[in-house]
């Protein structure tokens, strides 16, 4: 899914670095930073639930 989102942007040689940054930010995601990303608690809960199923 990250690759799909990045495919619409011309990142050149920085593509792998941007993908790694996105993955790192997702790993650090918690309820205390939801406002930073403009996420609702329900969206966060849905995302957490989908991650447990993987």
C-alpha atoms as a PDB file:
ATOM      1  CA  UNK A   1       0.000   0.000   0.000  1.00  0.00           C
ATOM      2  CA  UNK A   2       2.853   2.398   0.706  1.00  0.00           C
ATOM      3  CA  UNK A   3       4.279   1.709  -2.736  1.00  0.00           C
ATOM      4  CA  UNK A   4       0.905   2.497  -4.276  1.00  0.00           C
ATOM      5  CA  UNK A   5       0.732   5.830  -2.466  1.00  0.00           C
ATOM      6  CA  UNK A   6       4.283   6.765  -3.409  1.00  0.00           C
ATOM      7  CA  UNK A   7       3.846   5.782  -7.057  1.00  0.00           C
ATOM      8  CA  UNK A   8       2.027   9.055  -7.760  1.00  0.00           C
ATOM      9  CA  UNK A   9       5.038  11.114  -6.690  1.00  0.00           C
ATOM     10  CA  UNK A  10       8.335  11.666  -8.454  1.00  0.00           C
ATOM     11  CA  UNK A  11      10.742  10.878  -5.623  1.00  0.00           C
ATOM     12  CA  UNK A  12      13.637   9.583  -7.680  1.00  0.00           C
ATOM     13  CA  UNK A  13      16.494   8.247  -5.574  1.00  0.00           C
ATOM     14  CA  UNK A  14      14.711   9.295  -2.359  1.00  0.00           C
ATOM     15  CA  UNK A  15      11.872   6.798  -2.825  1.00  0.00           C
ATOM     16  CA  UNK A  16      13.352   4.130  -0.521  1.00  0.00           C
ATOM     17  CA  UNK A  17      14.134   6.713   2.164  1.00  0.00           C
ATOM     18  CA  UNK A  18      10.600   8.096   2.052  1.00  0.00           C
ATOM     19  CA  UNK A  19       9.106   4.594   2.252  1.00  0.00           C
ATOM     20  CA  UNK A  20      11.317   3.804   5.261  1.00  0.00           C
ATOM     21  CA  UNK A  21      10.245   7.056   6.943  1.00  0.00           C
ATOM     22  CA  UNK A  22       6.562   6.209   6.436  1.00  0.00           C
ATOM     23  CA  UNK A  23       7.052   2.749   7.923  1.00  0.00           C
ATOM     24  CA  UNK A  24       8.935   4.210  10.890  1.00  0.00           C
ATOM     25  CA  UNK A  25       6.182   6.764  11.538  1.00  0.00           C
ATOM     26  CA  UNK A  26       3.505   4.058  11.377  1.00  0.00           C
ATOM     27  CA  UNK A  27       5.404   1.980  13.930  1.00  0.00           C
ATOM     28  CA  UNK A  28       5.463   4.964  16.309  1.00  0.00           C
ATOM     29  CA  UNK A  29       1.786   5.802  15.868  1.00  0.00           C
ATOM     30  CA  UNK A  30      -0.125   5.959  19.141  1.00  0.00           C
ATOM     31  CA  UNK A  31      -3.157   7.735  20.564  1.00  0.00           C
ATOM     32  CA  UNK A  32      -1.085  10.705  21.736  1.00  0.00           C
ATOM     33  CA  UNK A  33      -0.125  11.796  18.206  1.00  0.00           C
ATOM     34  CA  UNK A  34      -3.453  11.437  16.409  1.00  0.00           C
ATOM     35  CA  UNK A  35      -3.959  15.217  16.131  1.00  0.00           C
ATOM     36  CA  UNK A  36      -0.607  15.587  14.355  1.00  0.00           C
ATOM     37  CA  UNK A  37      -1.862  13.363  11.556  1.00  0.00           C
ATOM     38  CA  UNK A  38      -5.474  14.604  11.737  1.00  0.00           C
ATOM     39  CA  UNK A  39      -6.726  11.141  12.610  1.00  0.00           C
ATOM     40  CA  UNK A  40      -9.875  10.380  14.528  1.00  0.00           C
ATOM     41  CA  UNK A  41      -9.683   7.862  17.370  1.00  0.00           C
ATOM     42  CA  UNK A  42     -12.084   5.637  15.425  1.00  0.00           C
ATOM     43  CA  UNK A  43      -9.749   5.678  12.396  1.00  0.00           C
ATOM     44  CA  UNK A  44      -6.817   4.769  14.617  1.00  0.00           C
ATOM     45  CA  UNK A  45      -8.774   1.919  16.205  1.00  0.00           C
ATOM     46  CA  UNK A  46      -9.739   0.622  12.766  1.00  0.00           C
ATOM     47  CA  UNK A  47      -6.117   0.768  11.606  1.00  0.00           C
ATOM     48  CA  UNK A  48      -4.939  -1.038  14.765  1.00  0.00           C
ATOM     49  CA  UNK A  49      -7.536  -3.739  14.223  1.00  0.00           C
ATOM     50  CA  UNK A  50      -6.436  -4.267  10.622  1.00  0.00           C
ATOM     51  CA  UNK A  51      -2.800  -4.554  11.710  1.00  0.00           C
ATOM     52  CA  UNK A  52      -3.587  -7.315  14.188  1.00  0.00           C
ATOM     53  CA  UNK A  53      -5.164  -9.377  11.401  1.00  0.00           C
ATOM     54  CA  UNK A  54      -2.000  -9.296   9.261  1.00  0.00           C
END
